[in-house]
Structure formats: structure tokens, C-alpha cells
Amino acid sequence: MALNKGAITEEFFRLSTGLAGEILQKFVNYRLKFAIIGDFSCYSSKPLKDFIYESNRGRDVFFVSAEAEAIERLATAQ
């Protein structure tokens, strides 16, 4: 599944709300791959940047800048 960043509430990107963790945990629990497409450079939060970095190192959740990259990452994630 891929979703444009604009379709997601900004609360998701404030890790202190716990929303990102709750939602992404559901995807992992149900073994669904998920990509969020958008420009994340506007966020200055170090915890969020670390979260994005660690997510992109895994195989379930990806934060990417382009739809083509989302398709590639989702197709190769095993």
C-alpha cells in the first residue's frame, strides 16, 4: 500500500502523539507493506528523522520521495 503524505494528518508526524507508532504497528502485525510518498525535509525533529531512517532500513514501512521509488521498495520488500 502506498499513500501520499498529504493524505495523512500532521499529527502522524509528531511522534509524541503516538499515532505513527499505533498505525504502523498495525501494518507490521498484519504483514502489510506500506510506503508514504512525499517530501519529509520540512520536518526538523531529530526523533522523526531517526524514525524515518530506521523505517527505511527495514522491510515493512518506507518513507520515499517518489511514487516510482515506493513501487520499487514495495515490490522488493520480502
Protein backbone atom coordinates (compact mmCIF):
# COMPACT_ATOMS: atom_id res chain seq x y z
CA MET A 1 0.00 0.00 0.00
CA ALA A 2 1.28 3.48 -0.83
CA LEU A 3 -0.15 6.77 0.35
CA ASN A 4 0.68 10.38 -0.40
CA LYS A 5 1.96 12.31 2.61
CA GLY A 6 -0.73 14.95 2.04
CA ALA A 7 -3.44 12.39 2.81
CA ILE A 8 -2.06 11.88 6.31
CA THR A 9 -2.79 14.16 9.25
CA GLU A 10 0.17 16.18 10.54
CA GLU A 11 -0.35 14.57 13.96
CA PHE A 12 1.11 11.40 12.45
CA PHE A 13 4.45 13.18 12.03
CA ARG A 14 4.53 14.37 15.66
CA LEU A 15 5.83 11.23 17.30
CA SER A 16 4.76 12.41 20.74
CA THR A 17 1.12 11.75 19.76
CA GLY A 18 1.84 8.04 19.33
CA LEU A 19 -0.30 7.95 16.19
CA ALA A 20 2.51 6.87 13.84
CA GLY A 21 3.53 4.04 16.12
CA GLU A 22 -0.01 2.76 16.51
CA ILE A 23 -0.81 2.84 12.80
CA LEU A 24 2.46 1.43 11.57
CA GLN A 25 2.36 -1.34 14.18
CA LYS A 26 -0.94 -2.50 12.65
CA PHE A 27 0.69 -2.75 9.22
CA VAL A 28 3.56 -4.77 10.68
CA ASN A 29 1.24 -7.04 12.69
CA TYR A 30 -0.83 -7.85 9.60
CA ARG A 31 2.31 -8.21 7.45
CA LEU A 32 1.36 -5.40 5.10
CA LYS A 33 3.99 -3.29 3.39
CA PHE A 34 3.38 0.46 3.49
CA ALA A 35 5.03 3.40 1.75
CA ILE A 36 4.45 7.07 2.43
CA ILE A 37 5.31 9.28 -0.54
CA GLY A 38 6.33 12.89 -0.05
CA ASP A 39 8.93 15.46 0.90
CA PHE A 40 9.96 14.98 4.51
CA SER A 41 12.72 17.61 4.54
CA CYS A 42 10.35 20.15 6.08
CA TYR A 43 10.50 18.31 9.42
CA SER A 44 13.28 19.32 11.79
CA SER A 45 12.51 16.83 14.57
CA LYS A 46 15.52 14.57 15.17
CA PRO A 47 13.33 11.77 16.58
CA LEU A 48 11.18 11.87 13.43
CA LYS A 49 14.23 11.87 11.17
CA ASP A 50 15.61 8.90 13.11
CA PHE A 51 12.24 7.15 12.86
CA ILE A 52 12.16 7.66 9.08
CA TYR A 53 15.76 6.46 8.75
CA GLU A 54 15.13 3.31 10.80
CA SER A 55 11.86 2.58 8.98
CA ASN A 56 13.61 2.82 5.62
CA ARG A 57 16.23 0.32 6.80
CA GLY A 58 13.51 -2.25 7.49
CA ARG A 59 11.23 -4.22 5.19
CA ASP A 60 7.75 -3.06 6.15
CA VAL A 61 7.42 0.73 6.17
CA PHE A 62 9.09 3.19 3.82
CA PHE A 63 9.21 6.96 3.58
CA VAL A 64 10.06 7.83 -0.03
CA SER A 65 10.10 10.90 -2.22
CA ALA A 66 8.55 9.49 -5.41
CA GLU A 67 5.88 7.02 -6.47
CA ALA A 68 8.37 5.03 -8.58
CA GLU A 69 10.59 4.56 -5.53
CA ALA A 70 7.58 3.42 -3.48
CA ILE A 71 6.68 0.82 -6.10
CA GLU A 72 10.27 -0.43 -6.26
CA ARG A 73 10.66 -0.67 -2.48
CA LEU A 74 7.29 -2.38 -2.01
CA ALA A 75 7.97 -4.84 -4.83
CA THR A 76 11.35 -5.88 -3.44
CA ALA A 77 10.36 -5.99 0.24
CA GLN A 78 10.15 -9.60 1.36
